[in-house]
Amino acid sequence: MVQFGTQQVGDDHPCFITLEAGPTHDGLESAKSLVAHAAKAKANAVKFQIFDPDRLVADRKQLFTYDILVDRDSDKRETISEPLYDILCRRCLTPEEWRELKAYSDSLGLAFFATIAFDDEVDFLEELGCHSIKIASADVNHFPLLKRAAKSGLCLQLDTGNATIGEIEVAIDVIRGEGNENIIIHHCPSGYPARLESVNLRVIPTLKQMFSYPIAYSDHSPGWEMDIAAIALGANLVEKTITEDRTTRSVEHIMSIEPSEMSAFVRSIRELETAMGGSRRLMTTAESEKRMAVRRSIHVRGDLSSGHVLKPEDLDYRRPGFGLPPSEAERIIGKPLAQSVSAGQALGWSDVKA
């Protein structure tokens, strides 16, 4: 279990639902609109990405390839490429705009956090009063950044993407080396969207066995079937990208959920948690009574006099099950009746001599 502001994330707590708006907004007003939708859907948190493209991307012509949705009815897709620098520029806000967005999220009761890339962005999240920092999977081996983020003492969420188990272990050791045990490990399949063959949800139980920290699932696939499956496999947090329009010609929109779907997404998770129940098979009083209505009791087939020694052919088994159950038949066969009984009568222990 880890502390995330006033909330806790772990096996004994409801799944922490994060809606990711970082890659799909195109400015402050767009970002605020997505925050409002996330709050209306009753998510726990909203996430963004605070990157400075001028510092992060050395080659401004480096291409990034992804799929877009051309037609939602036919699921027709198109693969496009554009400079990564241009993509990241669309996500940029000024420090003042980030402050306004954080305050807006606070006003709606949503936790706010972000993926960062540089030490001073860790400082900025601390200034904003964020309770968590996200490290991109591409930075799983960026030890200087991991150390600085860990020193903040904030909840540190580590995306793992294409990292090996060994690389994850080393990254966790680096974080723990700075005295930070407030860690959430994300299973994050790569791809925009991820191929089903690469989702590999069985990694979630593996990570839960290996590490004593909450395990999250960052979903890069359309729909939310994979999120439901991930939670059933033990994920303590899910992160799902949201958009105003899935057909937007930009990265990650194709795999995002739209405003009309967000509440259903959250509701599906909460219904799953209710249905999952606990590890013990417990039954309410009402359920116990209901099951007896469809179980059977031991009845006699004909009129029998007091002292009659019960034989198998004397007995019948009928609903409901409020009399002697069929499981007691062997105990009463061969025993004399304590009193006369009528055909069709349900037997009780008082009808049979000990």
Protein backbone atom coordinates (compact mmCIF):
# COMPACT_ATOMS: atom_id res chain seq x y z
CA MET A 1 0.00 0.00 0.00
CA VAL A 2 1.23 3.53 -0.79
CA GLN A 3 -0.08 6.93 0.16
CA PHE A 4 -1.35 9.14 -2.67
CA GLY A 5 -2.33 12.40 -1.01
CA THR A 6 -5.36 11.59 1.14
CA GLN A 7 -5.96 8.34 -0.74
CA GLN A 8 -4.31 4.95 -0.49
CA VAL A 9 -3.42 2.58 -3.31
CA GLY A 10 -3.00 -1.13 -2.69
CA ASP A 11 -4.61 -4.54 -2.43
CA ASP A 12 -6.99 -3.62 0.38
CA HIS A 13 -8.31 -0.50 -1.36
CA PRO A 14 -10.49 0.25 -4.41
CA CYS A 15 -8.72 0.52 -7.73
CA PHE A 16 -7.29 4.00 -8.20
CA ILE A 17 -8.59 5.31 -11.53
CA THR A 18 -6.45 7.81 -13.43
CA LEU A 19 -7.66 9.44 -16.62
CA GLU A 20 -4.75 10.58 -18.80
CA ALA A 21 -5.28 13.87 -20.64
CA GLY A 22 -1.62 14.69 -21.26
CA PRO A 23 -1.28 13.60 -24.90
CA THR A 24 -4.76 14.55 -26.10
CA HIS A 25 -5.29 18.17 -25.10
CA ASP A 26 -4.22 21.05 -27.36
CA GLY A 27 -4.11 23.92 -24.90
CA LEU A 28 -5.41 25.17 -21.57
CA GLU A 29 -9.11 25.27 -22.42
CA SER A 30 -8.98 21.82 -23.98
CA ALA A 31 -7.13 20.51 -20.93
CA LYS A 32 -9.68 22.03 -18.54
CA SER A 33 -12.51 20.48 -20.53
CA LEU A 34 -10.95 17.04 -20.18
CA VAL A 35 -10.44 17.61 -16.44
CA ALA A 36 -14.13 18.48 -16.11
CA HIS A 37 -15.12 15.28 -17.93
CA ALA A 38 -12.81 13.23 -15.68
CA ALA A 39 -14.34 14.75 -12.56
CA LYS A 40 -17.88 14.12 -13.81
CA ALA A 41 -16.97 10.48 -14.43
CA LYS A 42 -15.79 10.22 -10.78
CA ALA A 43 -12.21 9.30 -11.55
CA ASN A 44 -9.64 9.58 -8.76
CA ALA A 45 -7.02 11.52 -10.68
CA VAL A 46 -6.17 13.26 -13.91
CA LYS A 47 -2.72 13.08 -15.43
CA PHE A 48 -0.74 15.33 -17.79
CA GLN A 49 2.75 15.47 -19.28
CA ILE A 50 5.05 18.38 -18.54
CA PHE A 51 7.79 18.28 -21.18
CA ASP A 52 9.98 21.01 -22.64
CA PRO A 53 10.42 19.90 -26.28
CA ASP A 54 13.29 22.34 -26.86
CA ARG A 55 15.35 20.61 -24.15
CA LEU A 56 14.07 17.05 -24.57
CA VAL A 57 14.34 16.52 -28.33
CA ALA A 58 17.76 16.98 -29.90
CA ASP A 59 16.71 16.01 -33.43
CA ARG A 60 13.65 18.04 -34.32
CA LYS A 61 13.14 15.99 -37.48
CA GLN A 62 13.01 12.65 -35.63
CA LEU A 63 9.79 10.96 -36.76
CA PHE A 64 7.23 9.26 -34.55
CA THR A 65 4.81 6.76 -36.11
CA TYR A 66 1.33 5.99 -34.83
CA ASP A 67 -2.19 5.06 -35.96
CA ILE A 68 -5.23 7.32 -36.25
CA LEU A 69 -8.89 6.41 -36.57
CA VAL A 70 -10.27 7.55 -39.93
CA ASP A 71 -13.81 6.19 -39.62
CA ARG A 72 -15.29 5.03 -36.31
CA ASP A 73 -18.07 2.96 -37.94
CA SER A 74 -15.75 0.81 -40.03
CA ASP A 75 -12.77 1.11 -37.66
CA LYS A 76 -10.73 2.21 -40.65
CA ARG A 77 -7.25 3.29 -39.59
CA GLU A 78 -4.30 5.10 -41.09
CA THR A 79 -0.66 5.03 -40.05
CA ILE A 80 1.04 8.40 -40.06
CA SER A 81 4.42 9.81 -39.05
CA GLU A 82 5.37 13.28 -37.88
CA PRO A 83 8.22 14.85 -35.93
CA LEU A 84 8.17 13.97 -32.24
CA TYR A 85 9.09 17.59 -31.52
CA ASP A 86 5.85 18.80 -33.12
CA ILE A 87 3.81 16.30 -31.13
CA LEU A 88 5.31 17.42 -27.82
CA CYS A 89 4.86 21.10 -28.69
CA ARG A 90 1.09 20.55 -28.88
CA ARG A 91 1.12 19.52 -25.21
CA CYS A 92 3.01 22.53 -23.89
CA LEU A 93 1.52 24.96 -21.43
CA THR A 94 3.15 27.87 -19.66
CA PRO A 95 3.95 27.57 -15.95
CA GLU A 96 1.07 29.89 -15.18
CA GLU A 97 -1.31 27.76 -17.25
CA TRP A 98 -0.17 24.65 -15.40
CA ARG A 99 -0.86 26.41 -12.09
CA GLU A 100 -4.34 27.34 -13.29
CA LEU A 101 -5.02 23.78 -14.44
CA LYS A 102 -3.83 22.31 -11.14
CA ALA A 103 -6.06 24.72 -9.20
CA TYR A 104 -8.99 23.81 -11.44
CA SER A 105 -8.42 20.09 -10.84
CA ASP A 106 -8.25 20.74 -7.09
CA SER A 107 -11.55 22.60 -7.20
CA LEU A 108 -13.20 19.55 -8.77
CA GLY A 109 -11.75 17.14 -6.22
CA LEU A 110 -9.36 15.45 -8.64
CA ALA A 111 -5.80 14.49 -7.78
CA PHE A 112 -3.43 16.01 -10.33
CA PHE A 113 -0.03 14.66 -11.34
CA ALA A 114 2.22 14.59 -14.39
CA THR A 115 4.99 12.81 -16.21
CA ILE A 116 8.18 14.88 -16.15
CA ALA A 117 11.57 14.76 -17.88
CA PHE A 118 13.91 17.12 -15.99
CA ASP A 119 14.91 17.89 -12.42
CA ASP A 120 13.39 21.37 -12.44
CA GLU A 121 10.05 19.84 -13.47
CA VAL A 122 10.19 17.77 -10.27
CA ASP A 123 10.68 21.08 -8.45
CA PHE A 124 7.68 22.49 -10.30
CA LEU A 125 5.40 19.60 -9.32
CA GLU A 126 6.47 20.08 -5.71
CA GLU A 127 5.63 23.76 -6.01
CA LEU A 128 2.21 22.88 -7.43
CA GLY A 129 1.50 20.65 -4.46
CA CYS A 130 1.22 17.43 -6.44
CA HIS A 131 1.21 14.16 -4.52
CA SER A 132 2.78 12.03 -7.23
CA ILE A 133 5.34 12.09 -10.05
CA LYS A 134 5.29 9.84 -13.10
CA ILE A 135 8.45 8.66 -14.82
CA ALA A 136 8.11 7.69 -18.49
CA SER A 137 9.13 4.19 -19.52
CA ALA A 138 11.82 5.72 -21.73
CA ASP A 139 13.51 7.02 -18.56
CA VAL A 140 13.59 3.75 -16.62
CA ASN A 141 17.41 3.89 -16.85
CA HIS A 142 17.71 7.66 -16.28
CA PHE A 143 19.18 7.23 -12.80
CA PRO A 144 19.88 10.94 -12.14
CA LEU A 145 16.20 11.75 -12.79
CA LEU A 146 15.01 8.77 -10.75
CA LYS A 147 17.15 9.88 -7.83
CA ARG A 148 15.93 13.48 -7.94
CA ALA A 149 12.30 12.40 -8.18
CA ALA A 150 12.76 9.91 -5.35
CA LYS A 151 14.30 12.57 -3.10
CA SER A 152 11.07 14.57 -3.33
CA GLY A 153 9.43 11.95 -1.11
CA LEU A 154 6.36 12.04 -3.34
CA CYS A 155 4.63 8.91 -4.62
CA LEU A 156 6.74 7.83 -7.58
CA GLN A 157 4.99 6.07 -10.45
CA LEU A 158 7.33 4.16 -12.73
CA ASP A 159 6.28 3.27 -16.26
CA THR A 160 8.09 0.15 -17.46
CA GLY A 161 7.19 -0.07 -21.18
CA ASN A 162 9.79 -2.22 -22.94
CA ALA A 163 12.00 -2.50 -19.86
CA THR A 164 13.23 -5.92 -18.82
CA ILE A 165 12.48 -7.31 -15.38
CA GLY A 166 16.13 -6.76 -14.54
CA GLU A 167 15.95 -3.09 -15.53
CA ILE A 168 12.83 -2.66 -13.40
CA GLU A 169 14.60 -4.21 -10.41
CA VAL A 170 17.57 -1.88 -10.82
CA ALA A 171 15.32 1.20 -11.18
CA ILE A 172 13.43 0.26 -8.02
CA ASP A 173 16.72 -0.18 -6.17
CA VAL A 174 17.79 3.30 -7.30
CA ILE A 175 14.55 4.82 -5.99
CA ARG A 176 14.71 2.92 -2.70
CA GLY A 177 18.33 3.98 -2.33
CA GLU A 178 17.07 7.53 -1.85
CA GLY A 179 14.78 6.41 0.99
CA ASN A 180 11.56 6.48 -1.06
CA GLU A 181 9.29 3.45 -0.63
CA ASN A 182 6.20 5.24 -1.96
CA ILE A 183 6.35 3.48 -5.34
CA ILE A 184 3.79 2.32 -7.91
CA ILE A 185 5.03 0.14 -10.79
CA HIS A 186 3.17 0.41 -14.09
CA HIS A 187 2.83 -2.41 -16.56
CA CYS A 188 2.69 -0.34 -19.73
CA PRO A 189 2.49 -2.18 -23.08
CA SER A 190 4.13 -0.22 -25.88
CA GLY A 191 2.46 0.92 -29.08
CA TYR A 192 -0.05 3.58 -30.09
CA PRO A 193 -2.24 1.59 -29.95
CA ALA A 194 -0.67 -1.50 -28.41
CA ARG A 195 -0.95 -4.77 -30.31
CA LEU A 196 -2.88 -7.45 -28.43
CA GLU A 197 0.17 -9.71 -28.68
CA SER A 198 2.19 -7.17 -26.70
CA VAL A 199 -0.33 -6.46 -23.93
CA ASN A 200 0.81 -9.51 -21.92
CA LEU A 201 -1.44 -9.01 -18.92
CA ARG A 202 0.04 -12.03 -17.13
CA VAL A 203 3.01 -9.83 -16.28
CA ILE A 204 0.81 -8.15 -13.65
CA PRO A 205 0.72 -11.16 -11.27
CA THR A 206 4.44 -11.64 -11.90
CA LEU A 207 5.19 -8.07 -10.84
CA LYS A 208 2.94 -8.44 -7.78
CA GLN A 209 4.88 -11.54 -6.72
CA MET A 210 8.25 -9.87 -7.28
CA PHE A 211 7.63 -6.48 -5.68
CA SER A 212 5.91 -5.36 -2.50
CA TYR A 213 4.48 -2.26 -4.19
CA PRO A 214 1.13 -1.60 -5.88
CA ILE A 215 1.07 -2.61 -9.53
CA ALA A 216 -0.69 -0.43 -12.10
CA TYR A 217 -1.78 -0.94 -15.68
CA SER A 218 -1.39 1.85 -18.24
CA ASP A 219 -3.72 0.99 -21.09
CA HIS A 220 -2.70 1.65 -24.69
CA SER A 221 -5.49 -0.33 -26.32
CA PRO A 222 -8.92 0.81 -27.59
CA GLY A 223 -11.91 0.14 -25.36
CA TRP A 224 -11.53 -0.91 -21.76
CA GLU A 225 -11.66 -4.69 -21.84
CA MET A 226 -7.96 -4.85 -21.03
CA ASP A 227 -8.44 -2.61 -17.98
CA ILE A 228 -11.15 -4.89 -16.60
CA ALA A 229 -8.92 -7.92 -17.15
CA ALA A 230 -5.96 -6.15 -15.54
CA ILE A 231 -7.94 -5.37 -12.39
CA ALA A 232 -9.17 -8.96 -12.22
CA LEU A 233 -5.51 -10.00 -12.33
CA GLY A 234 -4.66 -7.71 -9.42
CA ALA A 235 -3.89 -4.25 -10.81
CA ASN A 236 -4.28 -1.64 -8.07
CA LEU A 237 -4.37 1.36 -10.40
CA VAL A 238 -5.41 1.82 -14.02
CA GLU A 239 -4.52 4.71 -16.29
CA LYS A 240 -6.68 5.30 -19.36
CA THR A 241 -6.24 8.05 -21.95
CA ILE A 242 -9.23 10.31 -22.63
CA THR A 243 -10.13 12.53 -25.58
CA GLU A 244 -12.84 14.84 -26.81
CA ASP A 245 -12.86 13.02 -30.17
CA ARG A 246 -11.26 9.67 -30.95
CA THR A 247 -10.93 10.57 -34.65
CA THR A 248 -8.57 13.50 -33.93
CA ARG A 249 -5.54 13.20 -36.20
CA SER A 250 -2.94 13.01 -33.46
CA VAL A 251 -1.21 10.41 -31.34
CA GLU A 252 -3.12 8.40 -28.69
CA HIS A 253 -6.61 9.61 -29.59
CA ILE A 254 -7.41 6.31 -31.31
CA MET A 255 -7.05 4.36 -28.07
CA SER A 256 -8.77 6.93 -25.83
CA ILE A 257 -12.27 7.00 -24.42
CA GLU A 258 -14.61 9.89 -25.13
CA PRO A 259 -16.77 11.92 -22.71
CA SER A 260 -19.84 9.78 -23.37
CA GLU A 261 -17.89 6.68 -22.27
CA MET A 262 -15.98 7.90 -19.24
CA SER A 263 -18.69 7.36 -16.63
CA ALA A 264 -19.38 3.87 -17.97
CA PHE A 265 -15.66 3.11 -17.78
CA VAL A 266 -15.49 4.07 -14.10
CA ARG A 267 -18.80 2.35 -13.33
CA SER A 268 -17.62 -0.89 -14.98
CA ILE A 269 -14.57 -0.94 -12.74
CA ARG A 270 -16.58 -0.32 -9.58
CA GLU A 271 -19.10 -3.02 -10.56
CA LEU A 272 -16.23 -5.44 -11.17
CA GLU A 273 -14.82 -4.72 -7.72
CA THR A 274 -18.20 -5.46 -6.15
CA ALA A 275 -18.50 -8.67 -8.14
CA MET A 276 -14.94 -9.74 -7.28
CA GLY A 277 -15.86 -9.80 -3.59
CA GLY A 278 -13.40 -11.41 -1.21
CA SER A 279 -11.34 -14.59 -1.11
CA ARG A 280 -13.71 -16.27 1.38
CA ARG A 281 -17.07 -17.71 0.34
CA LEU A 282 -19.45 -15.83 2.62
CA MET A 283 -23.23 -15.93 2.50
CA THR A 284 -25.83 -13.46 3.77
CA THR A 285 -28.86 -14.54 5.78
CA ALA A 286 -31.06 -13.79 2.79
CA GLU A 287 -28.87 -15.91 0.50
CA SER A 288 -28.94 -18.79 3.01
CA GLU A 289 -32.74 -18.69 3.17
CA LYS A 290 -33.03 -18.47 -0.61
CA ARG A 291 -30.84 -21.50 -1.17
CA MET A 292 -32.97 -23.57 1.23
CA ALA A 293 -36.02 -22.81 -0.90
CA VAL A 294 -34.52 -24.72 -3.82
CA ARG A 295 -32.85 -27.52 -1.86
CA ARG A 296 -34.69 -30.67 -0.80
CA SER A 297 -35.96 -32.25 2.41
CA ILE A 298 -36.66 -35.88 3.29
CA HIS A 299 -40.37 -36.75 2.96
CA VAL A 300 -42.23 -40.06 3.38
CA ARG A 301 -44.01 -41.57 0.40
CA GLY A 302 -46.93 -43.13 2.30
CA ASP A 303 -48.66 -43.33 5.68
CA LEU A 304 -46.37 -44.96 8.22
CA SER A 305 -47.19 -46.04 11.78
CA SER A 306 -45.20 -45.44 14.95
CA GLY A 307 -42.37 -47.96 15.32
CA HIS A 308 -42.04 -48.54 11.56
CA VAL A 309 -38.39 -49.12 10.66
CA LEU A 310 -37.51 -46.74 7.85
CA LYS A 311 -36.31 -48.24 4.56
CA PRO A 312 -34.91 -46.45 1.49
CA GLU A 313 -38.15 -47.05 -0.43
CA ASP A 314 -40.10 -45.20 2.27
CA LEU A 315 -38.32 -41.96 1.53
CA ASP A 316 -38.79 -39.23 -1.08
CA TYR A 317 -36.88 -35.97 -1.60
CA ARG A 318 -38.80 -32.77 -2.28
CA ARG A 319 -38.42 -29.01 -2.15
CA PRO A 320 -38.11 -26.82 -0.09
CA GLY A 321 -35.15 -27.78 2.09
CA PHE A 322 -36.35 -26.70 5.52
CA GLY A 323 -36.67 -30.28 6.85
CA LEU A 324 -34.06 -33.00 7.19
CA PRO A 325 -31.65 -32.71 4.23
CA PRO A 326 -30.98 -35.69 1.90
CA SER A 327 -27.45 -35.83 3.35
CA GLU A 328 -29.01 -37.25 6.56
CA ALA A 329 -30.83 -40.11 4.83
CA GLU A 330 -28.28 -42.74 5.81
CA ARG A 331 -28.55 -41.72 9.45
CA ILE A 332 -32.31 -42.36 9.65
CA ILE A 333 -32.59 -45.46 7.44
CA GLY A 334 -32.96 -48.47 9.76
CA LYS A 335 -34.31 -46.33 12.60
CA PRO A 336 -37.89 -46.72 13.93
CA LEU A 337 -40.37 -43.88 13.79
CA ALA A 338 -41.18 -42.21 17.10
CA GLN A 339 -44.72 -41.45 15.94
CA SER A 340 -47.05 -42.02 13.02
CA VAL A 341 -46.53 -39.87 9.92
CA SER A 342 -48.74 -39.12 6.93
CA ALA A 343 -47.96 -39.57 3.24
CA GLY A 344 -45.97 -36.62 1.88
CA GLN A 345 -44.96 -35.40 5.33
CA ALA A 346 -41.48 -33.89 5.75
CA LEU A 347 -39.50 -35.67 8.45
CA GLY A 348 -37.85 -33.97 11.39
CA TRP A 349 -35.49 -35.37 14.00
CA SER A 350 -38.40 -35.61 16.47
CA ASP A 351 -40.12 -38.12 14.14
CA VAL A 352 -37.27 -40.64 14.44
CA LYS A 353 -36.15 -42.55 17.53
CA ALA A 354 -32.52 -42.13 18.43
